[in-house]
Amino acid sequence: MLCAIYKSLKKEETYLYLAKKDDFTPVPEALMKMFGKAQLVLVINLAKQQHLVRADIDKVKQSLTDEGFYLQLPPPPINYLEQHKAQQKKDK
């Protein structure tokens, strides 16, 4: 299963996976407006991959099959204050 991966030039660390290169027709118009200009990053054969860095490969494959695209959002920011508080509770 080939997949084209595009990065958003508008939203940092946001990627759009498409089942067909340069075919944005399955992507809702509102999502494309939010995503902004798309820059091709990579064309990859998912059948030869066991995992992806920041996305569940099975979810990506399923979404590409069902929807024709998969949106990868950036990871949530780390809340260092909450981590520190949790660590203090453990240390007591």
N, C-alpha and C. Protein backbone atom coordinates (compact mmCIF):
# COMPACT_ATOMS: atom_id res chain seq x y z
N MET A 1 0.84 -1.17 0.00
CA MET A 1 0.00 0.00 0.00
C MET A 1 0.89 1.24 0.00
N LEU A 2 0.88 1.96 -1.10
CA LEU A 2 1.65 3.20 -1.19
C LEU A 2 0.90 4.34 -0.52
N CYS A 3 1.65 5.26 0.02
CA CYS A 3 1.07 6.37 0.76
C CYS A 3 1.96 7.60 0.55
N ALA A 4 1.33 8.73 0.26
CA ALA A 4 2.05 9.99 0.12
C ALA A 4 1.85 10.79 1.39
N ILE A 5 2.93 11.31 1.94
CA ILE A 5 2.88 12.07 3.20
C ILE A 5 3.24 13.52 2.91
N TYR A 6 2.37 14.41 3.37
CA TYR A 6 2.54 15.85 3.18
C TYR A 6 2.62 16.53 4.54
N LYS A 7 3.45 17.56 4.61
CA LYS A 7 3.49 18.35 5.83
C LYS A 7 2.77 19.67 5.57
N SER A 8 2.17 20.18 6.62
CA SER A 8 1.49 21.47 6.55
C SER A 8 2.52 22.58 6.67
N LEU A 9 2.43 23.56 5.79
CA LEU A 9 3.29 24.72 5.90
C LEU A 9 2.67 25.76 6.82
N LYS A 10 1.43 25.50 7.25
CA LYS A 10 0.70 26.41 8.13
C LYS A 10 0.73 25.95 9.59
N LYS A 11 0.63 24.64 9.81
CA LYS A 11 0.58 24.07 11.16
C LYS A 11 1.80 23.20 11.39
N GLU A 12 2.61 23.60 12.35
CA GLU A 12 3.84 22.87 12.65
C GLU A 12 3.55 21.45 13.12
N GLU A 13 4.37 20.51 12.67
CA GLU A 13 4.30 19.09 13.05
C GLU A 13 2.94 18.45 12.72
N THR A 14 2.29 18.92 11.67
CA THR A 14 1.01 18.37 11.23
C THR A 14 1.23 17.76 9.85
N TYR A 15 0.83 16.49 9.72
CA TYR A 15 1.06 15.75 8.48
C TYR A 15 -0.24 15.14 7.98
N LEU A 16 -0.33 15.05 6.66
CA LEU A 16 -1.50 14.47 6.01
C LEU A 16 -1.02 13.31 5.15
N TYR A 17 -1.55 12.13 5.40
CA TYR A 17 -1.22 10.93 4.64
C TYR A 17 -2.34 10.73 3.62
N LEU A 18 -1.98 10.53 2.36
CA LEU A 18 -2.97 10.31 1.31
C LEU A 18 -2.75 8.96 0.65
N ALA A 19 -3.87 8.32 0.32
CA ALA A 19 -3.80 7.03 -0.35
C ALA A 19 -3.25 7.18 -1.77
N LYS A 20 -3.49 8.34 -2.39
CA LYS A 20 -3.00 8.60 -3.75
C LYS A 20 -2.27 9.93 -3.77
N LYS A 21 -1.08 9.93 -4.32
CA LYS A 21 -0.27 11.14 -4.39
C LYS A 21 -1.02 12.26 -5.10
N ASP A 22 -1.01 13.43 -4.49
CA ASP A 22 -1.63 14.65 -5.02
C ASP A 22 -3.14 14.58 -5.20
N ASP A 23 -3.78 13.57 -4.60
CA ASP A 23 -5.25 13.46 -4.68
C ASP A 23 -5.84 13.89 -3.34
N PHE A 24 -6.18 15.17 -3.24
CA PHE A 24 -6.72 15.72 -2.00
C PHE A 24 -8.25 15.68 -1.96
N THR A 25 -8.87 15.05 -2.96
CA THR A 25 -10.35 15.03 -3.02
C THR A 25 -11.01 14.37 -1.81
N PRO A 26 -10.43 13.34 -1.17
CA PRO A 26 -11.10 12.76 0.00
C PRO A 26 -11.07 13.65 1.24
N VAL A 27 -10.17 14.64 1.26
CA VAL A 27 -9.98 15.48 2.44
C VAL A 27 -11.06 16.57 2.47
N PRO A 28 -11.78 16.68 3.59
CA PRO A 28 -12.82 17.72 3.69
C PRO A 28 -12.23 19.12 3.47
N GLU A 29 -13.01 19.98 2.85
CA GLU A 29 -12.56 21.34 2.52
C GLU A 29 -12.12 22.11 3.77
N ALA A 30 -12.88 21.97 4.86
CA ALA A 30 -12.53 22.68 6.10
C ALA A 30 -11.18 22.22 6.63
N LEU A 31 -10.89 20.93 6.51
CA LEU A 31 -9.60 20.41 6.96
C LEU A 31 -8.47 20.95 6.09
N MET A 32 -8.68 20.99 4.79
CA MET A 32 -7.65 21.52 3.89
C MET A 32 -7.40 23.01 4.17
N LYS A 33 -8.44 23.72 4.51
CA LYS A 33 -8.29 25.15 4.82
C LYS A 33 -7.43 25.31 6.09
N MET A 34 -7.70 24.48 7.11
CA MET A 34 -6.93 24.51 8.35
C MET A 34 -5.49 24.04 8.10
N PHE A 35 -5.33 23.02 7.27
CA PHE A 35 -4.01 22.44 6.99
C PHE A 35 -3.14 23.41 6.20
N GLY A 36 -3.73 24.14 5.30
CA GLY A 36 -2.98 25.10 4.50
C GLY A 36 -2.24 24.43 3.35
N LYS A 37 -1.23 25.10 2.86
CA LYS A 37 -0.44 24.58 1.74
C LYS A 37 0.28 23.31 2.18
N ALA A 38 0.18 22.29 1.32
CA ALA A 38 0.78 21.00 1.64
C ALA A 38 2.07 20.81 0.83
N GLN A 39 3.11 20.34 1.51
CA GLN A 39 4.38 20.07 0.86
C GLN A 39 4.67 18.57 0.95
N LEU A 40 4.87 17.94 -0.20
CA LEU A 40 5.19 16.51 -0.22
C LEU A 40 6.49 16.25 0.51
N VAL A 41 6.45 15.30 1.44
CA VAL A 41 7.63 14.95 2.22
C VAL A 41 8.17 13.60 1.77
N LEU A 42 7.26 12.64 1.55
CA LEU A 42 7.70 11.27 1.35
C LEU A 42 6.59 10.44 0.71
N VAL A 43 6.98 9.52 -0.14
CA VAL A 43 6.07 8.47 -0.62
C VAL A 43 6.63 7.18 -0.07
N ILE A 44 5.78 6.43 0.63
CA ILE A 44 6.25 5.25 1.35
C ILE A 44 5.32 4.07 1.08
N ASN A 45 5.88 2.88 1.09
CA ASN A 45 5.09 1.66 0.95
C ASN A 45 4.80 1.15 2.36
N LEU A 46 3.58 1.33 2.81
CA LEU A 46 3.21 0.92 4.17
C LEU A 46 3.23 -0.59 4.36
N ALA A 47 3.10 -1.33 3.28
CA ALA A 47 3.13 -2.80 3.37
C ALA A 47 4.50 -3.29 3.84
N LYS A 48 5.53 -2.49 3.59
CA LYS A 48 6.88 -2.89 3.97
C LYS A 48 7.32 -2.30 5.30
N GLN A 49 6.42 -1.56 5.96
CA GLN A 49 6.74 -0.93 7.25
C GLN A 49 6.10 -1.70 8.40
N GLN A 50 6.78 -1.78 9.51
CA GLN A 50 6.22 -2.41 10.70
C GLN A 50 5.65 -1.38 11.65
N HIS A 51 6.20 -0.16 11.62
CA HIS A 51 5.72 0.90 12.49
C HIS A 51 6.06 2.25 11.89
N LEU A 52 5.42 3.28 12.40
CA LEU A 52 5.71 4.65 12.03
C LEU A 52 6.15 5.39 13.29
N VAL A 53 6.84 6.50 13.14
CA VAL A 53 7.40 7.20 14.29
C VAL A 53 6.33 7.71 15.24
N ARG A 54 5.35 8.47 14.75
CA ARG A 54 4.37 9.09 15.64
C ARG A 54 2.93 8.69 15.35
N ALA A 55 2.75 7.64 14.58
CA ALA A 55 1.39 7.22 14.26
C ALA A 55 1.31 5.70 14.31
N ASP A 56 0.15 5.22 14.69
CA ASP A 56 -0.12 3.78 14.72
C ASP A 56 -0.33 3.32 13.28
N ILE A 57 0.54 2.47 12.78
CA ILE A 57 0.49 2.08 11.37
C ILE A 57 -0.84 1.41 11.00
N ASP A 58 -1.41 0.65 11.92
CA ASP A 58 -2.68 0.00 11.64
C ASP A 58 -3.81 1.03 11.50
N LYS A 59 -3.79 2.05 12.34
CA LYS A 59 -4.80 3.13 12.24
C LYS A 59 -4.62 3.91 10.94
N VAL A 60 -3.38 4.15 10.55
CA VAL A 60 -3.11 4.86 9.31
C VAL A 60 -3.65 4.06 8.13
N LYS A 61 -3.31 2.78 8.07
CA LYS A 61 -3.78 1.92 6.97
C LYS A 61 -5.30 1.88 6.92
N GLN A 62 -5.94 1.73 8.08
CA GLN A 62 -7.40 1.65 8.14
C GLN A 62 -8.03 2.96 7.66
N SER A 63 -7.48 4.07 8.12
CA SER A 63 -8.01 5.37 7.73
C SER A 63 -7.82 5.62 6.23
N LEU A 64 -6.68 5.23 5.69
CA LEU A 64 -6.45 5.39 4.26
C LEU A 64 -7.44 4.55 3.45
N THR A 65 -7.74 3.35 3.93
CA THR A 65 -8.69 2.48 3.25
C THR A 65 -10.11 3.03 3.36
N ASP A 66 -10.49 3.46 4.56
CA ASP A 66 -11.86 3.91 4.81
C ASP A 66 -12.13 5.34 4.32
N GLU A 67 -11.19 6.25 4.60
CA GLU A 67 -11.40 7.68 4.36
C GLU A 67 -10.63 8.22 3.16
N GLY A 68 -9.51 7.56 2.83
CA GLY A 68 -8.65 8.05 1.76
C GLY A 68 -7.56 8.98 2.25
N PHE A 69 -7.55 9.25 3.57
CA PHE A 69 -6.52 10.10 4.15
C PHE A 69 -6.39 9.82 5.64
N TYR A 70 -5.28 10.29 6.23
CA TYR A 70 -5.06 10.21 7.67
C TYR A 70 -4.37 11.50 8.08
N LEU A 71 -4.85 12.12 9.15
CA LEU A 71 -4.27 13.36 9.66
C LEU A 71 -3.46 13.05 10.91
N GLN A 72 -2.19 13.42 10.90
CA GLN A 72 -1.32 13.26 12.07
C GLN A 72 -1.09 14.62 12.69
N LEU A 73 -1.57 14.79 13.91
CA LEU A 73 -1.42 16.05 14.63
C LEU A 73 -0.17 16.02 15.50
N PRO A 74 0.33 17.18 15.88
CA PRO A 74 1.52 17.19 16.75
C PRO A 74 1.18 16.62 18.12
N PRO A 75 2.19 16.08 18.80
CA PRO A 75 1.94 15.57 20.15
C PRO A 75 1.58 16.72 21.08
N PRO A 76 0.80 16.43 22.12
CA PRO A 76 0.45 17.50 23.06
C PRO A 76 1.69 18.00 23.78
N PRO A 77 1.69 19.26 24.16
CA PRO A 77 2.86 19.79 24.87
C PRO A 77 3.01 19.11 26.23
N ILE A 78 4.24 19.00 26.67
CA ILE A 78 4.53 18.37 27.96
C ILE A 78 4.29 19.40 29.05
N ASN A 79 3.52 19.00 30.06
CA ASN A 79 3.27 19.87 31.20
C ASN A 79 4.27 19.50 32.29
N TYR A 80 5.37 20.22 32.32
CA TYR A 80 6.44 19.90 33.26
C TYR A 80 6.04 20.14 34.71
N LEU A 81 5.16 21.10 34.95
CA LEU A 81 4.70 21.35 36.31
C LEU A 81 3.93 20.15 36.84
N GLU A 82 3.03 19.60 36.03
CA GLU A 82 2.26 18.43 36.45
C GLU A 82 3.18 17.22 36.65
N GLN A 83 4.17 17.07 35.79
CA GLN A 83 5.13 15.97 35.95
C GLN A 83 5.88 16.12 37.27
N HIS A 84 6.29 17.32 37.58
CA HIS A 84 7.02 17.58 38.82
C HIS A 84 6.15 17.28 40.04
N LYS A 85 4.91 17.72 40.00
CA LYS A 85 3.98 17.45 41.11
C LYS A 85 3.74 15.96 41.30
N ALA A 86 3.58 15.26 40.22
CA ALA A 86 3.36 13.81 40.29
C ALA A 86 4.59 13.11 40.85
N GLN A 87 5.76 13.55 40.46
CA GLN A 87 6.99 12.96 40.98
C GLN A 87 7.14 13.24 42.47
N GLN A 88 6.77 14.42 42.92
CA GLN A 88 6.85 14.75 44.34
C GLN A 88 5.92 13.85 45.15
N LYS A 89 4.75 13.58 44.63
CA LYS A 89 3.80 12.69 45.34
C LYS A 89 4.38 11.28 45.46
N LYS A 90 5.05 10.83 44.40
CA LYS A 90 5.66 9.48 44.43
C LYS A 90 6.79 9.42 45.44
N ASP A 91 7.55 10.50 45.53
CA ASP A 91 8.72 10.52 46.42
C ASP A 91 8.33 10.57 47.91
N LYS A 92 7.11 10.98 48.22
CA LYS A 92 6.69 11.10 49.63
C LYS A 92 6.32 9.78 50.22
